[in-house]
Amino acid sequence: MDHERARELLAAERERIERAIASNSDAATQDADEQREPGERDSESLYEAEADSGRAADLQAQLAALERAEARLQAGTFGLSVDSGERIPDARLEAKPTAERTVAEEQALRG
């Protein structure tokens, strides 16, 4: 994959993640401001807080993966497996610009 296309994909991925982080933060704030019936408050609030926390953790993991991909782009190793150095197919990078391994390596890692 050429450098310019990789840069475009990573920029679009950063925009998507940052929008999702902002949206998740806005939703958490809105949920905290809503009035609930006394019987609903405890269980519903706990569920929402856990869901928001899970989404926030997932988005932070996605952001960290993006930053690693951006560093690989700068280093000239974007598109190469971090484990084997084998080339990651362009189709995989188009679908998941932050991919760090080939599909086979990822499947082996996950067992």
N, C-alpha and C. Protein backbone atom coordinates (compact mmCIF):
# COMPACT_ATOMS: atom_id res chain seq x y z
N MET A 1 0.85 -1.17 0.00
CA MET A 1 0.00 0.00 0.00
C MET A 1 0.90 1.23 0.00
N ASP A 2 0.52 2.20 -0.80
CA ASP A 2 1.37 3.38 -0.85
C ASP A 2 1.16 4.26 0.39
N HIS A 3 2.16 5.07 0.68
CA HIS A 3 2.21 5.88 1.89
C HIS A 3 1.01 6.83 1.97
N GLU A 4 0.65 7.45 0.87
CA GLU A 4 -0.46 8.43 0.88
C GLU A 4 -1.78 7.75 1.21
N ARG A 5 -2.04 6.59 0.62
CA ARG A 5 -3.29 5.87 0.91
C ARG A 5 -3.33 5.45 2.38
N ALA A 6 -2.22 4.97 2.89
CA ALA A 6 -2.15 4.57 4.31
C ALA A 6 -2.44 5.77 5.20
N ARG A 7 -1.87 6.90 4.86
CA ARG A 7 -2.09 8.12 5.65
C ARG A 7 -3.57 8.50 5.64
N GLU A 8 -4.21 8.40 4.48
CA GLU A 8 -5.64 8.71 4.37
C GLU A 8 -6.48 7.78 5.24
N LEU A 9 -6.18 6.49 5.17
CA LEU A 9 -6.93 5.52 5.96
C LEU A 9 -6.78 5.78 7.46
N LEU A 10 -5.56 6.07 7.88
CA LEU A 10 -5.32 6.32 9.30
C LEU A 10 -5.98 7.63 9.76
N ALA A 11 -5.99 8.63 8.90
CA ALA A 11 -6.66 9.89 9.25
C ALA A 11 -8.16 9.68 9.40
N ALA A 12 -8.75 8.91 8.51
CA ALA A 12 -10.18 8.61 8.60
C ALA A 12 -10.49 7.79 9.86
N GLU A 13 -9.60 6.86 10.18
CA GLU A 13 -9.79 6.05 11.39
C GLU A 13 -9.68 6.92 12.64
N ARG A 14 -8.74 7.85 12.66
CA ARG A 14 -8.60 8.77 13.81
C ARG A 14 -9.88 9.59 13.97
N GLU A 15 -10.39 10.10 12.86
CA GLU A 15 -11.62 10.90 12.91
C GLU A 15 -12.78 10.07 13.47
N ARG A 16 -12.92 8.83 13.00
CA ARG A 16 -13.99 7.94 13.48
C ARG A 16 -13.87 7.70 14.98
N ILE A 17 -12.67 7.40 15.44
CA ILE A 17 -12.46 7.11 16.86
C ILE A 17 -12.71 8.35 17.71
N GLU A 18 -12.21 9.48 17.28
CA GLU A 18 -12.39 10.71 18.06
C GLU A 18 -13.86 11.11 18.14
N ARG A 19 -14.61 10.91 17.04
CA ARG A 19 -16.06 11.17 17.07
C ARG A 19 -16.75 10.23 18.05
N ALA A 20 -16.36 8.96 18.02
CA ALA A 20 -16.97 7.98 18.93
C ALA A 20 -16.66 8.30 20.38
N ILE A 21 -15.44 8.74 20.66
CA ILE A 21 -15.07 9.12 22.03
C ILE A 21 -15.92 10.31 22.49
N ALA A 22 -16.06 11.31 21.63
CA ALA A 22 -16.86 12.48 21.97
C ALA A 22 -18.33 12.10 22.17
N SER A 23 -18.84 11.25 21.32
CA SER A 23 -20.23 10.81 21.41
C SER A 23 -20.46 10.03 22.71
N ASN A 24 -19.52 9.16 23.05
CA ASN A 24 -19.63 8.37 24.27
C ASN A 24 -19.60 9.28 25.49
N SER A 25 -18.75 10.28 25.45
CA SER A 25 -18.65 11.24 26.55
C SER A 25 -19.94 12.04 26.68
N ASP A 26 -20.49 12.49 25.54
CA ASP A 26 -21.74 13.24 25.55
C ASP A 26 -22.89 12.39 26.08
N ALA A 27 -22.93 11.11 25.69
CA ALA A 27 -24.00 10.21 26.14
C ALA A 27 -23.90 9.98 27.65
N ALA A 28 -22.69 9.83 28.16
CA ALA A 28 -22.51 9.63 29.59
C ALA A 28 -22.97 10.85 30.37
N THR A 29 -22.67 12.03 29.86
CA THR A 29 -23.09 13.27 30.51
C THR A 29 -24.61 13.40 30.48
N GLN A 30 -25.21 13.09 29.34
CA GLN A 30 -26.66 13.19 29.20
C GLN A 30 -27.35 12.20 30.13
N ASP A 31 -26.84 10.97 30.22
CA ASP A 31 -27.43 9.97 31.11
C ASP A 31 -27.37 10.43 32.56
N ALA A 32 -26.30 11.07 32.94
CA ALA A 32 -26.15 11.53 34.32
C ALA A 32 -27.14 12.64 34.64
N ASP A 33 -27.50 13.42 33.63
CA ASP A 33 -28.41 14.54 33.83
C ASP A 33 -29.89 14.14 33.84
N GLU A 34 -30.22 12.99 33.27
CA GLU A 34 -31.62 12.58 33.17
C GLU A 34 -32.18 12.20 34.53
N GLN A 35 -33.44 12.53 34.74
CA GLN A 35 -34.13 12.14 35.97
C GLN A 35 -34.77 10.77 35.74
N ARG A 36 -34.65 9.90 36.71
CA ARG A 36 -35.25 8.57 36.61
C ARG A 36 -36.16 8.35 37.82
N GLU A 37 -37.04 7.41 37.66
CA GLU A 37 -37.88 7.01 38.78
C GLU A 37 -37.00 6.36 39.84
N PRO A 38 -37.33 6.51 41.12
CA PRO A 38 -36.47 5.97 42.17
C PRO A 38 -36.17 4.48 42.03
N GLY A 39 -37.12 3.67 41.64
CA GLY A 39 -36.88 2.23 41.51
C GLY A 39 -35.99 1.87 40.33
N GLU A 40 -35.96 2.72 39.31
CA GLU A 40 -35.16 2.46 38.11
C GLU A 40 -33.73 2.95 38.27
N ARG A 41 -33.54 3.94 39.10
CA ARG A 41 -32.29 4.67 39.15
C ARG A 41 -31.08 3.77 39.40
N ASP A 42 -31.13 2.96 40.43
CA ASP A 42 -29.94 2.20 40.80
C ASP A 42 -29.53 1.18 39.75
N SER A 43 -30.45 0.33 39.34
CA SER A 43 -30.08 -0.71 38.38
C SER A 43 -29.78 -0.14 37.00
N GLU A 44 -30.59 0.80 36.57
CA GLU A 44 -30.38 1.40 35.25
C GLU A 44 -29.08 2.21 35.21
N SER A 45 -28.82 2.96 36.26
CA SER A 45 -27.60 3.77 36.32
C SER A 45 -26.36 2.88 36.32
N LEU A 46 -26.42 1.80 37.08
CA LEU A 46 -25.28 0.88 37.14
C LEU A 46 -25.02 0.26 35.77
N TYR A 47 -26.08 -0.18 35.11
CA TYR A 47 -25.94 -0.77 33.78
C TYR A 47 -25.33 0.24 32.80
N GLU A 48 -25.86 1.45 32.79
CA GLU A 48 -25.37 2.48 31.88
C GLU A 48 -23.91 2.84 32.18
N ALA A 49 -23.57 2.94 33.45
CA ALA A 49 -22.19 3.27 33.82
C ALA A 49 -21.23 2.19 33.36
N GLU A 50 -21.62 0.93 33.53
CA GLU A 50 -20.77 -0.17 33.09
C GLU A 50 -20.64 -0.19 31.57
N ALA A 51 -21.73 0.04 30.87
CA ALA A 51 -21.69 0.05 29.40
C ALA A 51 -20.81 1.19 28.91
N ASP A 52 -20.97 2.38 29.51
CA ASP A 52 -20.15 3.53 29.11
C ASP A 52 -18.68 3.27 29.39
N SER A 53 -18.40 2.67 30.52
CA SER A 53 -17.02 2.35 30.88
C SER A 53 -16.41 1.36 29.89
N GLY A 54 -17.18 0.36 29.51
CA GLY A 54 -16.70 -0.62 28.54
C GLY A 54 -16.43 0.01 27.18
N ARG A 55 -17.36 0.87 26.74
CA ARG A 55 -17.17 1.56 25.46
C ARG A 55 -15.94 2.46 25.51
N ALA A 56 -15.77 3.16 26.63
CA ALA A 56 -14.61 4.06 26.76
C ALA A 56 -13.31 3.27 26.72
N ALA A 57 -13.26 2.13 27.39
CA ALA A 57 -12.05 1.31 27.38
C ALA A 57 -11.76 0.78 25.98
N ASP A 58 -12.81 0.35 25.27
CA ASP A 58 -12.63 -0.15 23.91
C ASP A 58 -12.12 0.96 22.98
N LEU A 59 -12.68 2.14 23.12
CA LEU A 59 -12.24 3.26 22.28
C LEU A 59 -10.81 3.66 22.59
N GLN A 60 -10.41 3.61 23.85
CA GLN A 60 -9.02 3.92 24.20
C GLN A 60 -8.07 2.88 23.62
N ALA A 61 -8.48 1.62 23.60
CA ALA A 61 -7.67 0.56 22.98
C ALA A 61 -7.55 0.80 21.47
N GLN A 62 -8.65 1.21 20.84
CA GLN A 62 -8.61 1.51 19.41
C GLN A 62 -7.69 2.69 19.13
N LEU A 63 -7.73 3.70 19.99
CA LEU A 63 -6.87 4.87 19.82
C LEU A 63 -5.40 4.49 19.98
N ALA A 64 -5.10 3.62 20.93
CA ALA A 64 -3.72 3.16 21.12
C ALA A 64 -3.24 2.38 19.89
N ALA A 65 -4.10 1.54 19.33
CA ALA A 65 -3.74 0.79 18.13
C ALA A 65 -3.50 1.73 16.96
N LEU A 66 -4.31 2.77 16.86
CA LEU A 66 -4.14 3.77 15.81
C LEU A 66 -2.79 4.48 15.96
N GLU A 67 -2.45 4.85 17.17
CA GLU A 67 -1.18 5.54 17.40
C GLU A 67 0.01 4.63 17.06
N ARG A 68 -0.11 3.34 17.33
CA ARG A 68 0.96 2.40 16.94
C ARG A 68 1.06 2.32 15.42
N ALA A 69 -0.09 2.32 14.74
CA ALA A 69 -0.09 2.27 13.27
C ALA A 69 0.52 3.54 12.68
N GLU A 70 0.20 4.68 13.27
CA GLU A 70 0.79 5.94 12.80
C GLU A 70 2.31 5.93 13.00
N ALA A 71 2.76 5.37 14.10
CA ALA A 71 4.21 5.28 14.35
C ALA A 71 4.87 4.35 13.32
N ARG A 72 4.19 3.24 12.98
CA ARG A 72 4.74 2.34 11.95
C ARG A 72 4.80 3.03 10.60
N LEU A 73 3.79 3.86 10.30
CA LEU A 73 3.80 4.60 9.04
C LEU A 73 5.01 5.53 8.99
N GLN A 74 5.26 6.24 10.08
CA GLN A 74 6.42 7.14 10.14
C GLN A 74 7.74 6.38 10.04
N ALA A 75 7.78 5.19 10.62
CA ALA A 75 9.01 4.39 10.62
C ALA A 75 9.22 3.63 9.31
N GLY A 76 8.19 3.63 8.44
CA GLY A 76 8.30 2.92 7.18
C GLY A 76 7.99 1.44 7.27
N THR A 77 7.35 1.02 8.37
CA THR A 77 7.03 -0.40 8.54
C THR A 77 5.53 -0.66 8.50
N PHE A 78 4.74 0.36 8.15
CA PHE A 78 3.30 0.16 8.05
C PHE A 78 3.02 -0.89 6.99
N GLY A 79 2.10 -1.80 7.29
CA GLY A 79 1.74 -2.84 6.33
C GLY A 79 2.57 -4.10 6.47
N LEU A 80 3.48 -4.11 7.45
CA LEU A 80 4.27 -5.30 7.74
C LEU A 80 3.87 -5.83 9.10
N SER A 81 3.76 -7.14 9.22
CA SER A 81 3.40 -7.76 10.49
C SER A 81 4.42 -7.39 11.57
N VAL A 82 3.91 -7.05 12.75
CA VAL A 82 4.80 -6.72 13.86
C VAL A 82 5.48 -7.97 14.40
N ASP A 83 4.96 -9.15 14.08
CA ASP A 83 5.55 -10.39 14.54
C ASP A 83 6.56 -10.97 13.56
N SER A 84 6.13 -11.12 12.31
CA SER A 84 6.96 -11.82 11.33
C SER A 84 7.63 -10.91 10.30
N GLY A 85 7.13 -9.70 10.16
CA GLY A 85 7.62 -8.81 9.12
C GLY A 85 7.00 -9.10 7.76
N GLU A 86 6.11 -10.10 7.72
CA GLU A 86 5.43 -10.47 6.48
C GLU A 86 4.48 -9.34 6.09
N ARG A 87 4.32 -9.14 4.78
CA ARG A 87 3.45 -8.08 4.28
C ARG A 87 1.99 -8.41 4.59
N ILE A 88 1.27 -7.43 5.13
CA ILE A 88 -0.17 -7.56 5.37
C ILE A 88 -0.87 -7.13 4.08
N PRO A 89 -1.76 -7.96 3.55
CA PRO A 89 -2.42 -7.62 2.29
C PRO A 89 -3.16 -6.28 2.36
N ASP A 90 -3.12 -5.55 1.25
CA ASP A 90 -3.78 -4.25 1.19
C ASP A 90 -5.26 -4.34 1.53
N ALA A 91 -5.93 -5.42 1.10
CA ALA A 91 -7.36 -5.56 1.38
C ALA A 91 -7.61 -5.59 2.89
N ARG A 92 -6.73 -6.23 3.63
CA ARG A 92 -6.88 -6.26 5.09
C ARG A 92 -6.67 -4.86 5.68
N LEU A 93 -5.69 -4.14 5.16
CA LEU A 93 -5.42 -2.79 5.66
C LEU A 93 -6.55 -1.83 5.29
N GLU A 94 -7.18 -2.03 4.15
CA GLU A 94 -8.33 -1.20 3.76
C GLU A 94 -9.47 -1.43 4.75
N ALA A 95 -9.68 -2.69 5.15
CA ALA A 95 -10.75 -3.02 6.07
C ALA A 95 -10.41 -2.64 7.51
N LYS A 96 -9.14 -2.81 7.87
CA LYS A 96 -8.70 -2.52 9.24
C LYS A 96 -7.32 -1.87 9.17
N PRO A 97 -7.28 -0.55 9.04
CA PRO A 97 -6.00 0.14 8.87
C PRO A 97 -5.02 -0.04 10.02
N THR A 98 -5.52 -0.42 11.18
CA THR A 98 -4.64 -0.59 12.34
C THR A 98 -4.14 -2.02 12.49
N ALA A 99 -4.40 -2.88 11.50
CA ALA A 99 -3.98 -4.28 11.59
C ALA A 99 -2.47 -4.36 11.83
N GLU A 100 -2.12 -5.19 12.80
CA GLU A 100 -0.70 -5.36 13.15
C GLU A 100 -0.13 -6.69 12.67
N ARG A 101 -1.02 -7.58 12.27
CA ARG A 101 -0.59 -8.92 11.86
C ARG A 101 -1.41 -9.37 10.65
N THR A 102 -0.95 -10.42 10.00
CA THR A 102 -1.74 -11.04 8.93
C THR A 102 -2.92 -11.75 9.58
N VAL A 103 -3.91 -12.11 8.79
CA VAL A 103 -5.07 -12.82 9.31
C VAL A 103 -4.64 -14.13 9.96
N ALA A 104 -3.76 -14.88 9.29
CA ALA A 104 -3.31 -16.16 9.85
C ALA A 104 -2.61 -15.97 11.20
N GLU A 105 -1.78 -14.96 11.31
CA GLU A 105 -1.09 -14.70 12.58
C GLU A 105 -2.09 -14.30 13.67
N GLU A 106 -3.07 -13.50 13.30
CA GLU A 106 -4.08 -13.06 14.27
C GLU A 106 -4.90 -14.24 14.76
N GLN A 107 -5.27 -15.13 13.84
CA GLN A 107 -6.04 -16.32 14.21
C GLN A 107 -5.22 -17.23 15.12
N ALA A 108 -3.95 -17.41 14.82
CA ALA A 108 -3.08 -18.24 15.66
C ALA A 108 -2.93 -17.63 17.05
N LEU A 109 -2.85 -16.32 17.11
CA LEU A 109 -2.69 -15.62 18.39
C LEU A 109 -3.94 -15.80 19.26
N ARG A 110 -5.10 -15.79 18.64
CA ARG A 110 -6.36 -15.90 19.38
C ARG A 110 -6.74 -17.35 19.69
N GLY A 111 -6.01 -18.28 19.08
CA GLY A 111 -6.20 -19.68 19.39
C GLY A 111 -7.29 -20.28 18.66
